[in-house]
C-alpha atoms as a PDB file:
ATOM      1  CA  MET A   1       9.532  84.213   0.490  1.00  0.00           C
ATOM      2  CA  ALA A   2       6.171  82.713   0.951  1.00  0.00           C
ATOM      3  CA  LEU A   3       7.222  79.587  -0.722  1.00  0.00           C
ATOM      4  CA  SER A   4      10.120  79.316   1.724  1.00  0.00           C
ATOM      5  CA  SER A   5       7.673  80.014   4.700  1.00  0.00           C
ATOM      6  CA  GLU A   6       5.307  77.302   3.482  1.00  0.00           C
ATOM      7  CA  THR A   7       8.361  74.956   3.076  1.00  0.00           C
ATOM      8  CA  GLN A   8       9.571  75.906   6.563  1.00  0.00           C
ATOM      9  CA  SER A   9       6.143  75.153   8.048  1.00  0.00           C
ATOM     10  CA  ASP A  10       5.977  71.890   6.307  1.00  0.00           C
ATOM     11  CA  GLU A  11       9.321  70.936   7.626  1.00  0.00           C
ATOM     12  CA  THR A  12       8.127  72.021  11.105  1.00  0.00           C
ATOM     13  CA  GLU A  13       5.098  69.836  10.788  1.00  0.00           C
ATOM     14  CA  ASP A  14       7.336  66.927   9.536  1.00  0.00           C
ATOM     15  CA  ASP A  15       9.501  67.438  12.535  1.00  0.00           C
ATOM     16  CA  ASP A  16       6.497  67.392  14.893  1.00  0.00           C
ATOM     17  CA  VAL A  17       5.229  64.244  13.363  1.00  0.00           C
ATOM     18  CA  THR A  18       8.772  62.724  13.803  1.00  0.00           C
ATOM     19  CA  GLU A  19       8.889  63.733  17.317  1.00  0.00           C
ATOM     20  CA  VAL A  20       5.470  62.302  18.091  1.00  0.00           C
ATOM     21  CA  SER A  21       6.398  59.052  16.382  1.00  0.00           C
ATOM     22  CA  CYS A  22       9.572  58.844  18.451  1.00  0.00           C
ATOM     23  CA  SER A  23       7.705  59.269  21.668  1.00  0.00           C
ATOM     24  CA  THR A  24       5.251  56.456  20.737  1.00  0.00           C
ATOM     25  CA  THR A  25       7.724  53.955  19.272  1.00  0.00           C
ATOM     26  CA  GLY A  26      11.006  54.788  21.158  1.00  0.00           C
ATOM     27  CA  THR A  27      12.212  53.816  24.839  1.00  0.00           C
ATOM     28  CA  PRO A  28       9.452  52.166  26.846  1.00  0.00           C
ATOM     29  CA  SER A  29       7.883  54.381  29.470  1.00  0.00           C
ATOM     30  CA  SER A  30       8.090  54.005  33.149  1.00  0.00           C
ATOM     31  CA  GLU A  31       4.763  52.427  33.129  1.00  0.00           C
ATOM     32  CA  ASP A  32       5.996  49.841  30.713  1.00  0.00           C
ATOM     33  CA  HIS A  33       8.979  49.146  33.043  1.00  0.00           C
ATOM     34  CA  GLU A  34       6.670  48.459  35.932  1.00  0.00           C
ATOM     35  CA  GLU A  35       4.557  46.038  33.920  1.00  0.00           C
ATOM     36  CA  GLU A  36       7.724  44.068  32.930  1.00  0.00           C
ATOM     37  CA  ARG A  37       9.322  44.299  36.488  1.00  0.00           C
ATOM     38  CA  THR A  38       6.232  43.029  38.324  1.00  0.00           C
ATOM     39  CA  PRO A  39       6.258  39.437  36.853  1.00  0.00           C
ATOM     40  CA  ARG A  40      10.026  39.172  37.379  1.00  0.00           C
ATOM     41  CA  MET A  41       9.725  40.258  40.927  1.00  0.00           C
ATOM     42  CA  LYS A  42       6.846  37.789  41.519  1.00  0.00           C
ATOM     43  CA  HIS A  43       8.958  35.043  40.036  1.00  0.00           C
ATOM     44  CA  SER A  44      11.932  35.874  42.196  1.00  0.00           C
ATOM     45  CA  ALA A  45       9.716  35.886  45.360  1.00  0.00           C
ATOM     46  CA  VAL A  46       8.399  32.459  44.513  1.00  0.00           C
ATOM     47  CA  ALA A  47      11.791  31.061  43.926  1.00  0.00           C
ATOM     48  CA  LEU A  48      13.046  32.440  47.083  1.00  0.00           C
ATOM     49  CA  ARG A  49      10.120  30.942  49.060  1.00  0.00           C
ATOM     50  CA  GLU A  50      10.822  27.575  47.334  1.00  0.00           C
ATOM     51  CA  GLN A  51      14.501  27.837  48.386  1.00  0.00           C
ATOM     52  CA  VAL A  52      13.543  28.458  51.931  1.00  0.00           C
ATOM     53  CA  ARG A  53      10.917  25.625  52.007  1.00  0.00           C
ATOM     54  CA  GLN A  54      13.629  23.179  50.742  1.00  0.00           C
ATOM     55  CA  SER A  55      16.140  24.206  53.248  1.00  0.00           C
ATOM     56  CA  ARG A  56      13.686  23.551  56.022  1.00  0.00           C
ATOM     57  CA  THR A  57      12.458  20.247  54.677  1.00  0.00           C
ATOM     58  CA  PRO A  58      14.651  17.438  56.216  1.00  0.00           C
ATOM     59  CA  LYS A  59      16.678  15.572  53.557  1.00  0.00           C
ATOM     60  CA  LYS A  60      15.938  12.048  52.798  1.00  0.00           C
ATOM     61  CA  ARG A  61      18.534   9.423  54.040  1.00  0.00           C
ATOM     62  CA  GLN A  62      20.550   8.311  51.172  1.00  0.00           C
ATOM     63  CA  ARG A  63      20.495   4.489  50.827  1.00  0.00           C
ATOM     64  CA  HIS A  64      23.710   2.832  52.028  1.00  0.00           C
ATOM     65  CA  VAL A  65      25.389   0.895  49.471  1.00  0.00           C
ATOM     66  CA  ARG A  66      26.668  -2.249  51.139  1.00  0.00           C
ATOM     67  CA  ASN A  67      30.427  -2.958  50.685  1.00  0.00           C
ATOM     68  CA  THR A  68      30.229  -6.624  50.644  1.00  0.00           C
ATOM     69  CA  GLU A  69      33.887  -7.358  50.739  1.00  0.00           C
ATOM     70  CA  TYR A  70      34.535  -5.112  53.702  1.00  0.00           C
ATOM     71  CA  GLU A  71      31.468  -6.138  55.730  1.00  0.00           C
ATOM     72  CA  ASP A  72      31.820  -9.821  55.101  1.00  0.00           C
ATOM     73  CA  ASP A  73      35.677 -10.318  55.204  1.00  0.00           C
ATOM     74  CA  VAL A  74      37.206  -7.400  57.166  1.00  0.00           C
ATOM     75  CA  LEU A  75      34.721  -6.371  59.935  1.00  0.00           C
ATOM     76  CA  PRO A  76      34.443 -10.014  61.419  1.00  0.00           C
ATOM     77  CA  ILE A  77      38.225 -10.219  61.655  1.00  0.00           C
ATOM     78  CA  LEU A  78      38.468  -6.670  63.312  1.00  0.00           C
ATOM     79  CA  ALA A  79      35.727  -7.856  65.722  1.00  0.00           C
ATOM     80  CA  GLU A  80      37.627 -10.985  66.666  1.00  0.00           C
ATOM     81  CA  LEU A  81      40.960  -8.934  66.904  1.00  0.00           C
ATOM     82  CA  GLN A  82      39.271  -6.515  69.311  1.00  0.00           C
ATOM     83  CA  LEU A  83      37.774  -9.439  71.397  1.00  0.00           C
ATOM     84  CA  GLN A  84      41.181 -11.180  71.657  1.00  0.00           C
ATOM     85  CA  LEU A  85      42.851  -7.724  72.390  1.00  0.00           C
ATOM     86  CA  ARG A  86      40.718  -7.475  75.619  1.00  0.00           C
ATOM     87  CA  PHE A  87      42.509 -10.452  77.300  1.00  0.00           C
ATOM     88  CA  TYR A  88      45.949  -9.601  75.964  1.00  0.00           C
ATOM     89  CA  TYR A  89      45.682  -5.966  77.165  1.00  0.00           C
ATOM     90  CA  LEU A  90      44.645  -7.138  80.609  1.00  0.00           C
ATOM     91  CA  LEU A  91      47.870  -8.961  81.116  1.00  0.00           C
ATOM     92  CA  CYS A  92      50.115  -6.095  79.873  1.00  0.00           C
ATOM     93  CA  PHE A  93      48.294  -2.792  79.965  1.00  0.00           C
ATOM     94  CA  SER A  94      50.202  -1.583  77.000  1.00  0.00           C
ATOM     95  CA  ASN A  95      50.330  -1.736  73.188  1.00  0.00           C
ATOM     96  CA  LYS A  96      53.332  -4.101  73.303  1.00  0.00           C
ATOM     97  CA  CYS A  97      50.917  -7.020  72.802  1.00  0.00           C
ATOM     98  CA  CYS A  98      50.132  -5.637  69.427  1.00  0.00           C
ATOM     99  CA  ASP A  99      52.132  -8.141  67.310  1.00  0.00           C
ATOM    100  CA  SER A 100      51.098 -11.143  69.431  1.00  0.00           C
ATOM    101  CA  VAL A 101      47.311 -10.507  69.195  1.00  0.00           C
ATOM    102  CA  ILE A 102      47.499  -9.756  65.589  1.00  0.00           C
ATOM    103  CA  ARG A 103      49.307 -13.147  64.793  1.00  0.00           C
ATOM    104  CA  GLU A 104      46.758 -14.823  67.095  1.00  0.00           C
ATOM    105  CA  VAL A 105      43.988 -13.704  64.946  1.00  0.00           C
ATOM    106  CA  TYR A 106      45.537 -13.579  61.429  1.00  0.00           C
ATOM    107  CA  GLY A 107      47.853 -16.500  61.780  1.00  0.00           C
ATOM    108  CA  GLN A 108      51.652 -16.528  62.587  1.00  0.00           C
ATOM    109  CA  ALA A 109      52.672 -16.269  59.059  1.00  0.00           C
ATOM    110  CA  ILE A 110      51.192 -12.839  58.362  1.00  0.00           C
ATOM    111  CA  ASP A 111      53.541 -10.467  56.640  1.00  0.00           C
ATOM    112  CA  GLU A 112      54.286  -7.346  58.695  1.00  0.00           C
ATOM    113  CA  THR A 113      54.312  -5.215  55.561  1.00  0.00           C
ATOM    114  CA  SER A 114      51.053  -6.341  54.322  1.00  0.00           C
ATOM    115  CA  LYS A 115      47.917  -4.022  54.235  1.00  0.00           C
ATOM    116  CA  PRO A 116      45.951  -6.310  56.643  1.00  0.00           C
ATOM    117  CA  TYR A 117      48.806  -6.178  59.137  1.00  0.00           C
ATOM    118  CA  ASP A 118      48.880  -2.393  58.997  1.00  0.00           C
ATOM    119  CA  LEU A 119      45.249  -2.062  59.305  1.00  0.00           C
ATOM    120  CA  ALA A 120      45.146  -4.428  62.277  1.00  0.00           C
ATOM    121  CA  ARG A 121      48.107  -2.682  63.921  1.00  0.00           C
ATOM    122  CA  LEU A 122      46.501   0.839  63.542  1.00  0.00           C
ATOM    123  CA  ARG A 123      43.185  -0.608  65.081  1.00  0.00           C
ATOM    124  CA  VAL A 124      45.062  -2.132  68.083  1.00  0.00           C
ATOM    125  CA  LEU A 125      46.991   1.122  68.770  1.00  0.00           C
ATOM    126  CA  GLU A 126      43.823   3.186  68.575  1.00  0.00           C
ATOM    127  CA  ILE A 127      41.938   0.951  70.940  1.00  0.00           C
ATOM    128  CA  CYS A 128      44.778   0.623  73.423  1.00  0.00           C
ATOM    129  CA  LYS A 129      45.135   4.425  73.703  1.00  0.00           C
ATOM    130  CA  LYS A 130      41.376   4.704  74.078  1.00  0.00           C
ATOM    131  CA  TRP A 131      41.203   2.011  76.827  1.00  0.00           C
ATOM    132  CA  LYS A 132      44.127   3.684  78.719  1.00  0.00           C
ATOM    133  CA  ASN A 133      42.575   7.237  78.702  1.00  0.00           C
ATOM    134  CA  LYS A 134      39.207   5.702  79.701  1.00  0.00           C
ATOM    135  CA  GLY A 135      40.711   3.725  82.494  1.00  0.00           C
ATOM    136  CA  ILE A 136      42.472   6.633  84.027  1.00  0.00           C
ATOM    137  CA  ASP A 137      39.425   8.837  83.865  1.00  0.00           C
ATOM    138  CA  LYS A 138      37.318   6.146  85.462  1.00  0.00           C
ATOM    139  CA  MET A 139      39.747   5.490  88.274  1.00  0.00           C
ATOM    140  CA  ILE A 140      39.873   9.249  89.049  1.00  0.00           C
ATOM    141  CA  ASP A 141      36.083   9.399  89.094  1.00  0.00           C
ATOM    142  CA  HIS A 142      35.992   6.157  91.372  1.00  0.00           C
ATOM    143  CA  VAL A 143      38.615   7.660  93.763  1.00  0.00           C
ATOM    144  CA  GLU A 144      36.835  10.959  94.119  1.00  0.00           C
ATOM    145  CA  SER A 145      33.649   8.943  94.977  1.00  0.00           C
ATOM    146  CA  VAL A 146      35.614   6.902  97.636  1.00  0.00           C
ATOM    147  CA  ILE A 147      36.969  10.018  99.052  1.00  0.00           C
ATOM    148  CA  LEU A 148      33.566  11.563  99.393  1.00  0.00           C
ATOM    149  CA  ILE A 149      32.249   8.542 101.061  1.00  0.00           C
ATOM    150  CA  GLU A 150      35.211   8.467 103.538  1.00  0.00           C
ATOM    151  CA  ALA A 151      34.703  12.219 104.236  1.00  0.00           C
ATOM    152  CA  ASN A 152      31.230  11.351 105.555  1.00  0.00           C
ATOM    153  CA  GLY A 153      32.040   8.015 107.151  1.00  0.00           C
ATOM    154  CA  LYS A 154      34.882   6.406 109.076  1.00  0.00           C
ATOM    155  CA  ARG A 155      37.499   8.656 107.288  1.00  0.00           C
ATOM    156  CA  ASN A 156      39.953   5.710 107.223  1.00  0.00           C
ATOM    157  CA  LEU A 157      41.467   7.039 104.048  1.00  0.00           C
ATOM    158  CA  TYR A 158      42.291  10.270 105.782  1.00  0.00           C
ATOM    159  CA  HIS A 159      44.638   8.730 108.198  1.00  0.00           C
ATOM    160  CA  CYS A 160      46.777   7.406 105.330  1.00  0.00           C
ATOM    161  CA  SER A 161      49.944   9.567 105.109  1.00  0.00           C
ATOM    162  CA  THR A 162      51.998   7.518 102.477  1.00  0.00           C
ATOM    163  CA  ASP A 163      51.525   6.155  99.119  1.00  0.00           C
ATOM    164  CA  ARG A 164      51.985   2.634 100.575  1.00  0.00           C
ATOM    165  CA  ALA A 165      49.179   3.238 103.116  1.00  0.00           C
ATOM    166  CA  ILE A 166      46.778   4.644 100.330  1.00  0.00           C
ATOM    167  CA  ALA A 167      47.489   1.595  98.210  1.00  0.00           C
ATOM    168  CA  GLN A 168      46.830  -0.737 101.222  1.00  0.00           C
ATOM    169  CA  PHE A 169      43.544   1.006 101.803  1.00  0.00           C
ATOM    170  CA  PHE A 170      42.507   0.354  98.210  1.00  0.00           C
ATOM    171  CA  TYR A 171      43.749  -3.055  98.242  1.00  0.00           C
ATOM    172  CA  ASN A 172      41.226  -3.896 100.937  1.00  0.00           C
ATOM    173  CA  TYR A 173      38.581  -1.751  99.277  1.00  0.00           C
ATOM    174  CA  TYR A 174      38.972  -3.995  96.137  1.00  0.00           C
ATOM    175  CA  SER A 175      36.022  -5.901  94.518  1.00  0.00           C
ATOM    176  CA  PRO A 176      35.560  -7.465  91.038  1.00  0.00           C
ATOM    177  CA  ALA A 177      32.744  -4.902  90.554  1.00  0.00           C
ATOM    178  CA  ASN A 178      35.028  -1.964  91.335  1.00  0.00           C
ATOM    179  CA  PHE A 179      37.774  -3.368  89.135  1.00  0.00           C
ATOM    180  CA  ALA A 180      35.336  -3.883  86.256  1.00  0.00           C
ATOM    181  CA  TYR A 181      34.088  -0.384  86.765  1.00  0.00           C
ATOM    182  CA  VAL A 182      37.570   1.083  86.103  1.00  0.00           C
ATOM    183  CA  PHE A 183      38.776  -1.382  83.510  1.00  0.00           C
ATOM    184  CA  GLN A 184      35.607  -1.721  81.564  1.00  0.00           C
ATOM    185  CA  PHE A 185      37.334  -3.239  78.544  1.00  0.00           C
ATOM    186  CA  MET A 186      37.703  -6.650  80.243  1.00  0.00           C
ATOM    187  CA  HIS A 187      34.338  -7.341  81.913  1.00  0.00           C
ATOM    188  CA  LYS A 188      32.951  -9.037  78.750  1.00  0.00           C
ATOM    189  CA  CYS A 189      35.798 -11.455  78.359  1.00  0.00           C
ATOM    190  CA  VAL A 190      37.043 -12.442  81.896  1.00  0.00           C
ATOM    191  CA  ASP A 191      35.034 -13.811  84.915  1.00  0.00           C
ATOM    192  CA  LEU A 192      37.067 -12.505  87.868  1.00  0.00           C
ATOM    193  CA  ALA A 193      34.947 -14.106  90.418  1.00  0.00           C
ATOM    194  CA  LYS A 194      35.769 -17.578  89.009  1.00  0.00           C
ATOM    195  CA  SER A 195      39.499 -16.908  88.447  1.00  0.00           C
ATOM    196  CA  THR A 196      42.383 -18.160  90.513  1.00  0.00           C
ATOM    197  CA  PRO A 197      43.663 -16.505  93.647  1.00  0.00           C
ATOM    198  CA  THR A 198      46.676 -15.540  91.676  1.00  0.00           C
ATOM    199  CA  ALA A 199      44.619 -13.641  89.211  1.00  0.00           C
ATOM    200  CA  GLU A 200      42.756 -11.943  92.204  1.00  0.00           C
ATOM    201  CA  PHE A 201      46.203 -10.929  93.658  1.00  0.00           C
ATOM    202  CA  PHE A 202      47.187  -9.444  90.137  1.00  0.00           C
ATOM    203  CA  CYS A 203      43.904  -7.525  89.858  1.00  0.00           C
ATOM    204  CA  ARG A 204      43.959  -6.233  93.414  1.00  0.00           C
ATOM    205  CA  ASN A 205      47.440  -4.847  93.164  1.00  0.00           C
ATOM    206  CA  ILE A 206      46.850  -3.282  89.843  1.00  0.00           C
ATOM    207  CA  TYR A 207      43.599  -1.710  91.238  1.00  0.00           C
ATOM    208  CA  ALA A 208      45.254  -0.463  94.553  1.00  0.00           C
ATOM    209  CA  ASN A 209      48.469   0.994  93.098  1.00  0.00           C
ATOM    210  CA  LEU A 210      46.628   2.908  90.220  1.00  0.00           C
ATOM    211  CA  ALA A 211      44.183   4.222  92.728  1.00  0.00           C
ATOM    212  CA  ALA A 212      46.910   5.476  94.998  1.00  0.00           C
ATOM    213  CA  GLN A 213      48.402   7.326  92.016  1.00  0.00           C
ATOM    214  CA  CYS A 214      44.979   8.939  91.259  1.00  0.00           C
ATOM    215  CA  VAL A 215      44.461   9.899  94.978  1.00  0.00           C
ATOM    216  CA  LEU A 216      47.822  11.858  94.795  1.00  0.00           C
ATOM    217  CA  HIS A 217      46.621  13.511  91.624  1.00  0.00           C
ATOM    218  CA  VAL A 218      43.263  14.488  93.145  1.00  0.00           C
ATOM    219  CA  CYS A 219      44.844  15.871  96.287  1.00  0.00           C
ATOM    220  CA  TRP A 220      47.443  17.849  94.310  1.00  0.00           C
ATOM    221  CA  ARG A 221      44.734  19.273  91.994  1.00  0.00           C
ATOM    222  CA  GLU A 222      42.525  20.243  94.985  1.00  0.00           C
ATOM    223  CA  ASN A 223      45.511  21.944  96.647  1.00  0.00           C
ATOM    224  CA  GLY A 224      45.677  24.335  93.729  1.00  0.00           C
ATOM    225  CA  CYS A 225      48.536  22.278  92.048  1.00  0.00           C
ATOM    226  CA  VAL A 226      50.837  23.357  94.675  1.00  0.00           C
ATOM    227  CA  GLY A 227      53.695  21.094  96.045  1.00  0.00           C
ATOM    228  CA  VAL A 228      55.066  17.856  94.329  1.00  0.00           C
ATOM    229  CA  GLU A 229      53.629  17.883  90.872  1.00  0.00           C
ATOM    230  CA  HIS A 230      51.277  14.984  90.110  1.00  0.00           C
ATOM    231  CA  ASN A 231      49.495  15.554  87.000  1.00  0.00           C
ATOM    232  CA  LYS A 232      47.867  13.132  84.594  1.00  0.00           C
ATOM    233  CA  MET A 233      51.125  12.648  82.657  1.00  0.00           C
ATOM    234  CA  ALA A 234      52.483  11.006  85.817  1.00  0.00           C
ATOM    235  CA  ILE A 235      49.504   8.654  85.968  1.00  0.00           C
ATOM    236  CA  ASN A 236      50.158   7.895  82.257  1.00  0.00           C
ATOM    237  CA  LYS A 237      53.748   6.819  82.850  1.00  0.00           C
ATOM    238  CA  PHE A 238      52.749   4.716  85.816  1.00  0.00           C
ATOM    239  CA  TRP A 239      50.016   2.968  83.693  1.00  0.00           C
ATOM    240  CA  ASP A 240      52.754   1.907  81.209  1.00  0.00           C
ATOM    241  CA  THR A 241      54.856   0.223  83.884  1.00  0.00           C
ATOM    242  CA  MET A 242      52.420  -0.972  86.605  1.00  0.00           C
ATOM    243  CA  VAL A 243      52.578  -4.624  85.440  1.00  0.00           C
ATOM    244  CA  GLN A 244      56.275  -4.812  85.396  1.00  0.00           C
ATOM    245  CA  ALA A 245      56.724  -5.511  89.101  1.00  0.00           C
ATOM    246  CA  ASP A 246      58.517  -8.730  90.014  1.00  0.00           C
ATOM    247  CA  CYS A 247      55.464 -10.014  92.011  1.00  0.00           C
ATOM    248  CA  PHE A 248      53.593 -10.334  88.701  1.00  0.00           C
ATOM    249  CA  SER A 249      56.274 -12.416  86.919  1.00  0.00           C
ATOM    250  CA  ASN A 250      54.464 -15.778  87.620  1.00  0.00           C
ATOM    251  CA  ILE A 251      51.066 -14.520  86.256  1.00  0.00           C
ATOM    252  CA  ASP A 252      49.719 -17.102  83.779  1.00  0.00           C
ATOM    253  CA  PRO A 253      46.965 -16.442  81.356  1.00  0.00           C
ATOM    254  CA  LEU A 254      45.273 -19.662  82.509  1.00  0.00           C
ATOM    255  CA  ASP A 255      44.761 -18.127  85.956  1.00  0.00           C
ATOM    256  CA  PHE A 256      42.041 -16.052  84.483  1.00  0.00           C
ATOM    257  CA  THR A 257      38.544 -17.568  83.678  1.00  0.00           C
ATOM    258  CA  ARG A 258      37.538 -16.369  80.251  1.00  0.00           C
ATOM    259  CA  ILE A 259      33.850 -16.081  79.454  1.00  0.00           C
ATOM    260  CA  PRO A 260      32.886 -18.743  76.862  1.00  0.00           C
ATOM    261  CA  ARG A 261      32.208 -17.419  73.386  1.00  0.00           C
ATOM    262  CA  GLY A 262      28.574 -18.631  73.424  1.00  0.00           C
ATOM    263  CA  ILE A 263      27.784 -16.630  76.564  1.00  0.00           C
ATOM    264  CA  LEU A 264      29.711 -13.608  75.377  1.00  0.00           C
ATOM    265  CA  HIS A 265      27.575 -13.689  72.213  1.00  0.00           C
ATOM    266  CA  SER A 266      24.423 -13.671  74.290  1.00  0.00           C
ATOM    267  CA  LEU A 267      25.697 -10.688  76.236  1.00  0.00           C
ATOM    268  CA  ASN A 268      26.431  -8.710  73.226  1.00  0.00           C
ATOM    269  CA  SER A 269      23.103  -9.704  71.432  1.00  0.00           C
ATOM    270  CA  LYS A 270      21.112  -8.209  74.374  1.00  0.00           C
ATOM    271  CA  LYS A 271      22.515  -4.805  73.405  1.00  0.00           C
ATOM    272  CA  LYS A 272      21.864  -3.601  69.907  1.00  0.00           C
ATOM    273  CA  VAL A 273      25.475  -2.876  69.088  1.00  0.00           C
ATOM    274  CA  ALA A 274      27.312  -2.488  65.732  1.00  0.00           C
ATOM    275  CA  VAL A 275      29.370  -5.306  64.232  1.00  0.00           C
ATOM    276  CA  LEU A 276      32.424  -4.133  66.096  1.00  0.00           C
ATOM    277  CA  PRO A 277      32.157  -4.685  69.888  1.00  0.00           C
ATOM    278  CA  ASP A 278      32.290  -1.624  72.149  1.00  0.00           C
ATOM    279  CA  VAL A 279      35.730  -0.134  72.778  1.00  0.00           C
END
């Protein structure tokens, strides 16, 4: 029995040794975890600060790789197309001149199914739409200014009770400067002051009739859109047909004095503009 007791005590001592050894060589303690976690947390904080710093630092501009073929061959032709379109659009105020101006620039033999023709056609349609919307907005702005001037002055416009009377008022109010303010696409290509009386007659009537339509729109809008509807859609429809009157059938492009190319180039060079002229 004594032997068994000694054996039991030895086993207990062995067990104690085993337990002690487990506690020293087993799973790391919480202090060990803290020691390992601290460098990781410091590294994460440093990385986070670096990310924030980089997000606040402005990025360097990437160098533009010059497309030689496009800039040397396509852009000059599109610039010429836009320049010629200014004069064509003045005579028709619609995109119906699309084919004529493209053939004027690219040559009469250009294929309508070719890629250059498609590119030019899309460019012409885009520009015509922009000029139309901008012209209508400018005329509305111009009409509102005139109404304000008349309200504080002679009030001659307030005595106009018909569309024809309003148009006659703006016919007399016409000036090359007022026309150029509304139709800004043409003031770089045509000198109205040096054009023929026929050209002045054309411009006066276009200016006066469009102004009358915009006066009706402004009055309709200020009356709370009550009465005969005259929204911007009506002005858009009028724009498309305002040069189709019989009195304009004898208008000749030669009636307009075009600005020589050298003078036009000097006007554009005073402003630091892109290769393509302003729309």
